[in-house]
Amino acid sequence: MTRSRLISRLALLATCVAATALTACNDEAAPEKADLVAGKKAFAQKCSSCHVLARANAKGTQGPNLDEAFRQALSDGFGRGMVRGVVHSQIVHPAVVPAKSPAYMPANLVKGKLAEDVAAYVASVVSMSGKDEGLLAVAVPAAGAGKPVAAKGGKLSIPADPNGQLAYITEKATAPTGKLQIESKNDATIPHDIAIEGNGASGKGKTVKGGAVSSFSVDLKAGKYQYYCTVSGHREGGMEGTLTVK
């Protein structure tokens, strides 16, 4: 199933749910006991690498663009309660696609109350302009906003974003010329690796997750290089940075 067909399926499901449960369409996006902060954090960790959701700064390229998927239904007057129900349904019973498809999402990626929190958060912000405010604004650190890192003792460490976003902890790094070991620890459950290219040099570490380290060695001359994740859609989603060697 292609990404465009998945978007169409979400839109169709949204319409069907709305048509058969109009009372739910007028519910508030977040039920009284929903924890939107927990929902945003879980969305960042489990969902942002695949989906676009502007208010969550999610730029994934593999799954449906959630803002696009629900914009028309919301414009047509269907409530955010409907969106919440559709998102929760998709989390529990995702669209059936081949396990190796880039858009594959396993069932119960988040479970129980947390699945409800994710659905409530998405419903409360999907297709909205502007930025999250209050506690939601600081719930998830900005992707790639860390200070530049410098190589030490012939090693350059650039960890992946621990919150699961498509980013490393920083978008800038420096190193001296010569042999260098580049490594990236990935504490998230989303698989990542690290690779480099530029000035005729290249290298790539293995794909890892859950605290493992992707690493490789390379010999670099002075100049600028790009480091990035080679997992499908991750570089396109913003998981890259610049290494300055001098």
Protein backbone atom coordinates (compact mmCIF):
# COMPACT_ATOMS: atom_id res chain seq x y z
CA MET A 1 0.00 0.00 0.00
CA THR A 2 1.48 3.34 -1.07
CA ARG A 3 1.73 6.38 1.20
CA SER A 4 -0.91 8.23 -0.88
CA ARG A 5 -3.31 5.31 -0.53
CA LEU A 6 -2.74 5.29 3.23
CA ILE A 7 -3.63 8.98 3.37
CA SER A 8 -6.78 8.27 1.37
CA ARG A 9 -7.63 5.38 3.70
CA LEU A 10 -7.33 7.63 6.75
CA ALA A 11 -9.49 10.28 5.15
CA LEU A 12 -12.12 7.71 4.16
CA LEU A 13 -12.08 6.15 7.61
CA ALA A 14 -12.47 9.59 9.15
CA THR A 15 -15.53 10.26 7.00
CA CYS A 16 -17.05 6.88 7.79
CA VAL A 17 -16.57 7.32 11.52
CA ALA A 18 -18.01 10.80 11.31
CA ALA A 19 -21.04 9.66 9.39
CA THR A 20 -21.84 6.85 11.80
CA ALA A 21 -21.02 8.64 15.04
CA LEU A 22 -22.01 12.27 14.66
CA THR A 23 -22.37 12.74 18.37
CA ALA A 24 -18.73 11.82 18.86
CA CYS A 25 -17.73 14.36 16.21
CA ASN A 26 -18.71 17.18 18.50
CA ASP A 27 -16.80 15.89 21.51
CA GLU A 28 -13.75 17.74 22.75
CA ALA A 29 -10.48 16.53 21.20
CA ALA A 30 -9.12 15.55 24.59
CA PRO A 31 -11.26 13.56 27.04
CA GLU A 32 -11.21 14.83 30.59
CA LYS A 33 -8.50 12.44 31.79
CA ALA A 34 -6.24 12.59 28.73
CA ASP A 35 -2.63 13.61 29.41
CA LEU A 36 -1.67 15.68 26.38
CA VAL A 37 1.93 16.14 27.55
CA ALA A 38 2.41 12.38 27.82
CA GLY A 39 0.68 12.02 24.47
CA LYS A 40 3.05 14.45 22.78
CA LYS A 41 6.10 12.76 24.28
CA ALA A 42 4.93 9.33 23.15
CA PHE A 43 4.09 10.66 19.69
CA ALA A 44 7.62 12.07 19.38
CA GLN A 45 9.17 8.78 20.49
CA LYS A 46 7.00 6.38 18.50
CA CYS A 47 5.36 8.24 15.63
CA SER A 48 7.29 11.35 14.57
CA SER A 49 9.83 9.43 12.49
CA CYS A 50 7.05 8.34 10.10
CA HIS A 51 4.39 11.08 10.17
CA VAL A 52 4.13 14.80 9.54
CA LEU A 53 2.42 16.75 12.33
CA ALA A 54 3.42 20.40 12.25
CA ARG A 55 2.59 21.30 15.86
CA ALA A 56 4.75 18.40 17.07
CA ASN A 57 7.56 19.39 14.67
CA ALA A 58 7.27 15.90 13.20
CA LYS A 59 8.64 15.60 9.66
CA GLY A 60 8.47 11.90 8.89
CA THR A 61 8.15 10.87 5.26
CA GLN A 62 7.09 7.22 5.38
CA GLY A 63 3.57 7.31 6.80
CA PRO A 64 0.56 9.57 6.11
CA ASN A 65 0.85 13.31 6.64
CA LEU A 66 -1.62 13.66 9.49
CA ASP A 67 -2.27 17.35 8.90
CA GLU A 68 -3.25 16.62 5.30
CA ALA A 69 -5.24 13.50 6.16
CA PHE A 70 -7.69 15.29 8.44
CA ARG A 71 -7.74 18.84 7.06
CA GLN A 72 -10.72 18.36 4.76
CA ALA A 73 -12.84 16.52 7.32
CA LEU A 74 -12.23 19.26 9.88
CA SER A 75 -12.98 21.92 7.27
CA ASP A 76 -16.26 20.13 6.53
CA GLY A 77 -17.28 20.51 10.17
CA PHE A 78 -16.47 17.12 11.64
CA GLY A 79 -15.20 17.52 15.19
CA ARG A 80 -11.86 16.65 16.73
CA GLY A 81 -13.53 13.92 18.73
CA MET A 82 -13.85 12.09 15.44
CA VAL A 83 -10.15 12.59 14.76
CA ARG A 84 -9.33 11.19 18.18
CA GLY A 85 -11.37 8.10 17.50
CA VAL A 86 -9.82 7.49 14.10
CA VAL A 87 -6.25 7.94 15.37
CA HIS A 88 -6.87 5.62 18.31
CA SER A 89 -8.39 3.04 15.99
CA GLN A 90 -5.37 3.20 13.70
CA ILE A 91 -2.99 2.74 16.64
CA VAL A 92 -4.83 -0.35 17.84
CA HIS A 93 -5.73 -1.71 14.39
CA PRO A 94 -3.33 -0.17 11.83
CA ALA A 95 -3.77 -0.44 8.09
CA VAL A 96 -2.63 -3.83 6.82
CA VAL A 97 0.55 -3.42 4.76
CA PRO A 98 3.55 -5.71 4.16
CA ALA A 99 5.84 -5.88 7.19
CA LYS A 100 8.81 -4.62 5.13
CA SER A 101 6.92 -1.66 3.69
CA PRO A 102 8.31 1.78 4.69
CA ALA A 103 4.80 2.70 5.85
CA TYR A 104 4.38 -0.41 8.02
CA MET A 105 3.14 0.33 11.55
CA PRO A 106 2.83 -2.52 14.05
CA ALA A 107 -0.32 -2.83 16.13
CA ASN A 108 -0.24 -1.32 19.60
CA LEU A 109 2.87 0.76 19.00
CA VAL A 110 1.64 2.46 22.15
CA LYS A 111 -0.87 0.75 24.41
CA GLY A 112 -3.69 1.36 26.85
CA LYS A 113 -4.00 4.81 28.40
CA LEU A 114 -0.94 6.07 26.50
CA ALA A 115 -2.57 5.23 23.17
CA GLU A 116 -5.55 7.33 24.25
CA ASP A 117 -3.20 10.16 25.23
CA VAL A 118 -1.46 10.07 21.83
CA ALA A 119 -4.80 10.10 20.00
CA ALA A 120 -6.03 13.00 22.15
CA TYR A 121 -2.87 15.03 21.53
CA VAL A 122 -2.94 14.46 17.78
CA ALA A 123 -6.62 15.35 17.63
CA SER A 124 -6.06 18.55 19.61
CA VAL A 125 -3.40 19.94 17.25
CA VAL A 126 -3.75 18.28 13.83
CA SER A 127 -4.12 20.67 10.88
CA MET A 128 -3.62 23.68 13.17
CA SER A 129 -1.23 26.55 12.52
CA GLY A 130 0.97 28.12 15.18
CA LYS A 131 2.93 26.39 17.93
CA ASP A 132 2.14 24.47 21.09
CA GLU A 133 2.02 26.57 24.23
CA GLY A 134 2.59 26.12 27.95
CA LEU A 135 3.73 22.68 29.10
CA LEU A 136 3.23 21.27 25.62
CA ALA A 137 5.77 23.74 24.23
CA VAL A 138 8.54 22.28 26.39
CA ALA A 139 7.37 18.65 26.53
CA VAL A 140 9.82 17.57 23.84
CA PRO A 141 13.17 19.36 23.32
CA ALA A 142 13.63 20.88 19.87
CA ALA A 143 15.16 18.35 17.50
CA GLY A 144 18.84 18.96 16.71
CA ALA A 145 19.02 22.07 18.88
CA GLY A 146 21.96 20.95 20.99
CA LYS A 147 25.31 22.74 21.06
CA PRO A 148 27.93 21.78 18.45
CA VAL A 149 30.05 18.77 19.45
CA ALA A 150 33.80 18.45 18.94
CA ALA A 151 35.94 15.37 18.40
CA LYS A 152 38.12 14.27 21.30
CA GLY A 153 40.99 11.80 21.19
CA GLY A 154 40.25 10.80 17.62
CA LYS A 155 36.57 10.09 18.33
CA LEU A 156 33.47 12.07 17.43
CA SER A 157 30.24 11.16 19.23
CA ILE A 158 26.95 12.39 17.76
CA PRO A 159 24.06 10.56 19.50
CA ALA A 160 20.66 10.25 17.85
CA ASP A 161 17.85 12.25 19.40
CA PRO A 162 16.77 10.19 22.45
CA ASN A 163 13.16 11.35 22.06
CA GLY A 164 12.77 9.48 18.77
CA GLN A 165 12.66 12.54 16.53
CA LEU A 166 14.37 12.52 13.14
CA ALA A 167 17.51 14.29 14.31
CA TYR A 168 20.83 13.90 16.02
CA ILE A 169 21.37 15.84 19.23
CA THR A 170 23.12 18.52 17.21
CA GLU A 171 23.29 19.68 13.62
CA LYS A 172 26.90 20.88 13.88
CA ALA A 173 30.17 19.16 14.72
CA THR A 174 33.91 19.82 14.36
CA ALA A 175 37.02 17.64 14.12
CA PRO A 176 40.70 17.91 13.20
CA THR A 177 42.06 16.44 9.99
CA GLY A 178 43.18 12.81 9.93
CA LYS A 179 41.75 9.52 11.07
CA LEU A 180 38.50 9.78 12.99
CA GLN A 181 36.07 7.34 14.54
CA ILE A 182 32.51 8.58 14.23
CA GLU A 183 29.86 7.04 16.44
CA SER A 184 26.21 7.59 17.22
CA LYS A 185 24.42 6.02 20.17
CA ASN A 186 20.71 5.50 19.63
CA ASP A 187 18.64 5.22 22.81
CA ALA A 188 15.35 5.42 20.91
CA THR A 189 13.30 2.45 19.74
CA ILE A 190 13.30 3.82 16.17
CA PRO A 191 16.29 2.41 14.21
CA HIS A 192 18.99 4.85 13.10
CA ASP A 193 22.54 4.82 11.84
CA ILE A 194 25.14 7.44 10.96
CA ALA A 195 26.95 8.00 7.69
CA ILE A 196 29.15 10.71 6.21
CA GLU A 197 29.89 12.07 2.76
CA GLY A 198 31.85 14.91 1.20
CA ASN A 199 35.27 15.81 -0.23
CA GLY A 200 35.63 12.36 -1.73
CA ALA A 201 35.25 10.60 1.63
CA SER A 202 32.41 8.41 2.85
CA GLY A 203 31.58 5.95 5.61
CA LYS A 204 28.61 4.33 7.29
CA GLY A 205 27.84 2.57 10.56
CA LYS A 206 25.32 -0.21 11.10
CA THR A 207 21.66 0.46 11.86
CA VAL A 208 20.96 0.24 15.61
CA LYS A 209 18.35 1.02 18.28
CA GLY A 210 17.68 0.59 21.99
CA GLY A 211 21.01 1.94 23.27
CA ALA A 212 23.33 0.38 20.68
CA VAL A 213 26.03 2.37 18.88
CA SER A 214 26.50 2.88 15.14
CA SER A 215 30.15 3.60 14.30
CA PHE A 216 32.80 3.62 11.59
CA SER A 217 36.28 5.02 10.95
CA VAL A 218 37.26 7.43 8.20
CA ASP A 219 40.27 9.57 7.17
CA LEU A 220 39.27 13.19 6.61
CA LYS A 221 40.95 16.22 5.11
CA ALA A 222 40.01 19.83 5.77
CA GLY A 223 36.57 20.85 4.57
CA LYS A 224 32.87 20.40 5.25
CA TYR A 225 31.02 17.07 5.33
CA GLN A 226 27.43 16.00 5.79
CA TYR A 227 26.54 13.39 8.38
CA TYR A 228 23.13 11.76 8.11
CA CYS A 229 20.96 8.71 8.76
CA THR A 230 20.56 6.32 5.82
CA VAL A 231 17.34 4.68 7.07
CA SER A 232 14.65 5.30 4.44
CA GLY A 233 13.02 8.70 4.86
CA HIS A 234 15.12 9.82 7.83
CA ARG A 235 17.52 12.16 6.05
CA GLU A 236 14.61 13.59 4.08
CA GLY A 237 12.87 14.20 7.40
CA GLY A 238 15.80 16.28 8.68
CA MET A 239 18.18 13.78 10.26
CA GLU A 240 21.45 15.29 9.09
CA GLY A 241 24.11 17.81 10.08
CA THR A 242 27.37 19.45 9.04
CA LEU A 243 30.84 18.34 10.16
CA THR A 244 33.59 20.95 9.77
CA VAL A 245 37.11 19.52 9.62
CA LYS A 246 40.10 21.84 10.00
